[in-house]
Amino acid sequence: MLWTVGIIGALVAGIVVLYNRLVGLRNRSEGAWSDIDVQLRRRHDLIPNLVETVKGYAAHEATTLQEVTAARGRAVQASGAAEQGGAESALSRAIANVFAVAEAYPELRASQNFRDLQQELSTIEEAIQAARRYYNAVVRDLNTACDTVPSNFVAGWFQIGKKDYFELDEPAARQAPRVDFSA
């Protein structure tokens, strides 16, 4: 009888420990996603200023500027790691196109406002990369815990599920836009 109580007590304690670990990982992943979201919002808020600055110097580049605006709109509306990753990849490509256009306009490249926006965007891109790495590390730990015995049983019982990684679609989009003032 005493053995039975001890075994049941150990089993309950093990389940509680595993449950608490899974909940902690889930909460850390949600907090990490919130950090990514904050950085993406900062980036999204910066885009209209960048577009207006470029428009002042290169008004006839309307197609490129419209692509940035449309990509920003899709990125703002995206939800979840997978959809957000795709939308952010498209936005990164559009921003890279704006910087490519800027190369043809020395007055634009010389503009302090444009340089400040490029610097701020570069800083935000670095923060997004750091937040993404942390989020993906936490998601990896959560997903591993959801897949391994015995925590997979506890995850199933309490409906604690795996999360998607925040990945960008293409290798070129994984890099921060290149800023070059050497011309």
Protein backbone atom coordinates (compact mmCIF):
# COMPACT_ATOMS: atom_id res chain seq x y z
CA MET A 1 0.00 0.00 0.00
CA LEU A 2 2.77 2.45 0.92
CA TRP A 3 4.61 1.56 -2.29
CA THR A 4 1.51 2.27 -4.34
CA VAL A 5 1.10 5.71 -2.78
CA GLY A 6 4.81 6.43 -3.37
CA ILE A 7 4.63 5.37 -7.02
CA ILE A 8 1.47 7.39 -7.64
CA GLY A 9 3.02 10.39 -5.87
CA ALA A 10 6.19 10.14 -7.99
CA LEU A 11 4.12 9.81 -11.16
CA VAL A 12 2.02 12.87 -10.29
CA ALA A 13 5.16 14.85 -9.40
CA GLY A 14 6.75 13.85 -12.72
CA ILE A 15 3.67 14.94 -14.65
CA VAL A 16 3.60 18.27 -12.80
CA VAL A 17 7.28 18.89 -13.56
CA LEU A 18 6.84 18.04 -17.24
CA TYR A 19 3.67 20.14 -17.50
CA ASN A 20 5.38 23.13 -15.89
CA ARG A 21 8.33 22.78 -18.27
CA LEU A 22 6.04 22.65 -21.31
CA VAL A 23 4.03 25.65 -20.14
CA GLY A 24 7.24 27.56 -19.50
CA LEU A 25 8.49 26.79 -23.02
CA ARG A 26 5.15 27.75 -24.54
CA ASN A 27 5.12 31.05 -22.64
CA ARG A 28 8.73 31.80 -23.58
CA SER A 29 7.90 31.13 -27.25
CA GLU A 30 4.93 33.50 -27.07
CA GLY A 31 7.11 36.14 -25.39
CA ALA A 32 9.79 35.66 -28.04
CA TRP A 33 7.19 36.02 -30.80
CA SER A 34 6.04 39.23 -29.15
CA ASP A 35 9.62 40.53 -29.33
CA ILE A 36 9.74 39.73 -33.06
CA ASP A 37 6.38 41.41 -33.54
CA VAL A 38 7.62 44.60 -31.85
CA GLN A 39 10.66 44.75 -34.15
CA LEU A 40 8.56 44.04 -37.23
CA ARG A 41 6.16 46.82 -36.28
CA ARG A 42 9.09 49.21 -35.90
CA ARG A 43 10.23 48.17 -39.37
CA HIS A 44 6.73 48.55 -40.81
CA ASP A 45 6.42 52.02 -39.27
CA LEU A 46 9.72 53.06 -40.84
CA ILE A 47 8.74 52.04 -44.40
CA PRO A 48 6.36 54.98 -45.14
CA ASN A 49 9.12 57.44 -44.19
CA LEU A 50 11.56 55.65 -46.47
CA VAL A 51 9.05 55.68 -49.34
CA GLU A 52 8.30 59.39 -48.89
CA THR A 53 12.01 60.25 -48.77
CA VAL A 54 12.74 58.32 -51.96
CA LYS A 55 9.63 59.73 -53.61
CA GLY A 56 10.98 63.25 -53.06
CA TYR A 57 14.09 62.45 -55.11
CA ALA A 58 12.89 59.74 -57.48
CA ALA A 59 9.21 60.36 -58.06
CA HIS A 60 9.20 58.49 -61.38
CA GLU A 61 10.16 55.24 -59.58
CA ALA A 62 6.51 54.79 -58.68
CA THR A 63 6.40 51.04 -59.43
CA THR A 64 9.20 50.28 -57.00
CA LEU A 65 7.62 52.43 -54.32
CA GLN A 66 4.21 50.82 -54.87
CA GLU A 67 5.80 47.38 -54.46
CA VAL A 68 7.23 48.42 -51.10
CA THR A 69 3.90 49.81 -49.96
CA ALA A 70 2.03 46.67 -51.06
CA ALA A 71 4.61 44.36 -49.46
CA ARG A 72 4.38 46.35 -46.23
CA GLY A 73 0.60 45.99 -46.28
CA ARG A 74 0.85 42.22 -46.68
CA ALA A 75 3.44 42.02 -43.90
CA VAL A 76 1.26 44.04 -41.52
CA GLN A 77 -1.72 41.76 -42.23
CA ALA A 78 0.21 38.48 -41.92
CA SER A 79 -0.35 36.29 -38.89
CA GLY A 80 1.60 33.36 -37.55
CA ALA A 81 5.24 32.55 -38.04
CA ALA A 82 4.94 30.85 -41.44
CA GLU A 83 2.78 33.53 -43.08
CA GLN A 84 4.80 36.32 -41.46
CA GLY A 85 8.05 34.80 -42.75
CA GLY A 86 6.80 34.82 -46.33
CA ALA A 87 5.47 38.35 -46.09
CA GLU A 88 8.67 39.63 -44.51
CA SER A 89 10.73 38.00 -47.28
CA ALA A 90 8.73 39.89 -49.88
CA LEU A 91 9.13 43.11 -47.91
CA SER A 92 12.91 42.59 -47.67
CA ARG A 93 13.10 42.14 -51.45
CA ALA A 94 11.07 45.31 -51.99
CA ILE A 95 13.30 47.30 -49.62
CA ALA A 96 16.38 45.99 -51.41
CA ASN A 97 14.85 47.27 -54.68
CA VAL A 98 14.42 50.73 -53.13
CA PHE A 99 18.07 50.77 -52.11
CA ALA A 100 19.03 49.66 -55.61
CA VAL A 101 17.00 52.54 -57.05
CA ALA A 102 18.68 54.92 -54.61
CA GLU A 103 22.07 54.05 -56.13
CA ALA A 104 21.02 55.93 -59.28
CA TYR A 105 20.31 59.13 -57.34
CA PRO A 106 23.40 60.70 -55.73
CA GLU A 107 21.33 63.48 -54.17
CA LEU A 108 19.16 60.88 -52.46
CA ARG A 109 22.16 58.92 -51.17
CA ALA A 110 23.60 62.19 -49.85
CA SER A 111 20.38 63.09 -48.02
CA GLN A 112 20.84 62.95 -44.23
CA ASN A 113 17.23 61.85 -43.82
CA PHE A 114 17.75 58.91 -46.21
CA ARG A 115 20.99 57.91 -44.48
CA ASP A 116 19.30 58.08 -41.09
CA LEU A 117 16.46 55.89 -42.35
CA GLN A 118 18.94 53.38 -43.79
CA GLN A 119 20.84 53.26 -40.51
CA GLU A 120 17.67 52.82 -38.48
CA LEU A 121 16.46 50.10 -40.83
CA SER A 122 19.80 48.32 -40.55
CA THR A 123 19.57 48.46 -36.74
CA ILE A 124 16.02 47.10 -36.81
CA GLU A 125 17.05 44.30 -39.18
CA GLU A 126 19.76 43.24 -36.73
CA ALA A 127 17.25 43.28 -33.86
CA ILE A 128 14.81 41.19 -35.91
CA GLN A 129 17.55 38.65 -36.62
CA ALA A 130 18.43 38.38 -32.92
CA ALA A 131 14.78 38.06 -31.89
CA ARG A 132 14.17 35.46 -34.62
CA ARG A 133 17.14 33.37 -33.48
CA TYR A 134 15.90 33.41 -29.89
CA TYR A 135 12.32 32.59 -30.91
CA ASN A 136 13.46 29.69 -33.10
CA ALA A 137 15.65 28.33 -30.28
CA VAL A 138 12.72 28.37 -27.85
CA VAL A 139 10.42 26.81 -30.46
CA ARG A 140 13.03 24.11 -31.09
CA ASP A 141 13.07 23.29 -27.36
CA LEU A 142 9.26 23.27 -27.17
CA ASN A 143 8.91 21.11 -30.28
CA THR A 144 11.55 18.69 -29.01
CA ALA A 145 9.73 18.41 -25.69
CA CYS A 146 6.44 17.80 -27.52
CA ASP A 147 8.07 15.01 -29.55
CA THR A 148 10.03 13.16 -26.86
CA VAL A 149 8.90 10.63 -24.28
CA PRO A 150 7.50 11.14 -21.65
CA SER A 151 6.75 14.84 -22.14
CA ASN A 152 4.92 14.11 -25.40
CA PHE A 153 2.21 12.32 -23.39
CA VAL A 154 1.83 15.29 -21.05
CA ALA A 155 1.77 17.70 -24.02
CA GLY A 156 -0.97 15.62 -25.63
CA TRP A 157 -3.03 15.37 -22.45
CA PHE A 158 -2.92 19.12 -21.88
CA GLN A 159 -3.06 20.07 -25.57
CA ILE A 160 0.25 21.89 -25.61
CA GLY A 161 1.24 21.88 -29.26
CA LYS A 162 4.25 22.52 -31.39
CA LYS A 163 4.88 25.91 -32.98
CA ASP A 164 6.14 26.95 -36.40
CA TYR A 165 9.62 28.35 -36.86
CA PHE A 166 9.97 31.90 -38.14
CA GLU A 167 11.84 31.33 -41.38
CA LEU A 168 12.44 33.50 -44.38
CA ASP A 169 11.75 32.06 -47.81
CA GLU A 170 15.02 32.65 -49.57
CA PRO A 171 18.69 33.05 -48.67
CA ALA A 172 18.89 36.59 -50.09
CA ALA A 173 16.11 37.70 -47.77
CA ARG A 174 18.03 36.34 -44.78
CA GLN A 175 20.53 39.19 -45.08
CA ALA A 176 19.97 42.74 -43.91
CA PRO A 177 19.81 45.13 -46.85
CA ARG A 178 23.32 46.24 -47.86
CA VAL A 179 23.98 49.91 -47.35
CA ASP A 180 26.81 51.48 -49.35
CA PHE A 181 27.67 55.19 -49.22
CA SER A 182 30.92 54.90 -51.15
CA ALA A 183 29.73 56.42 -54.43
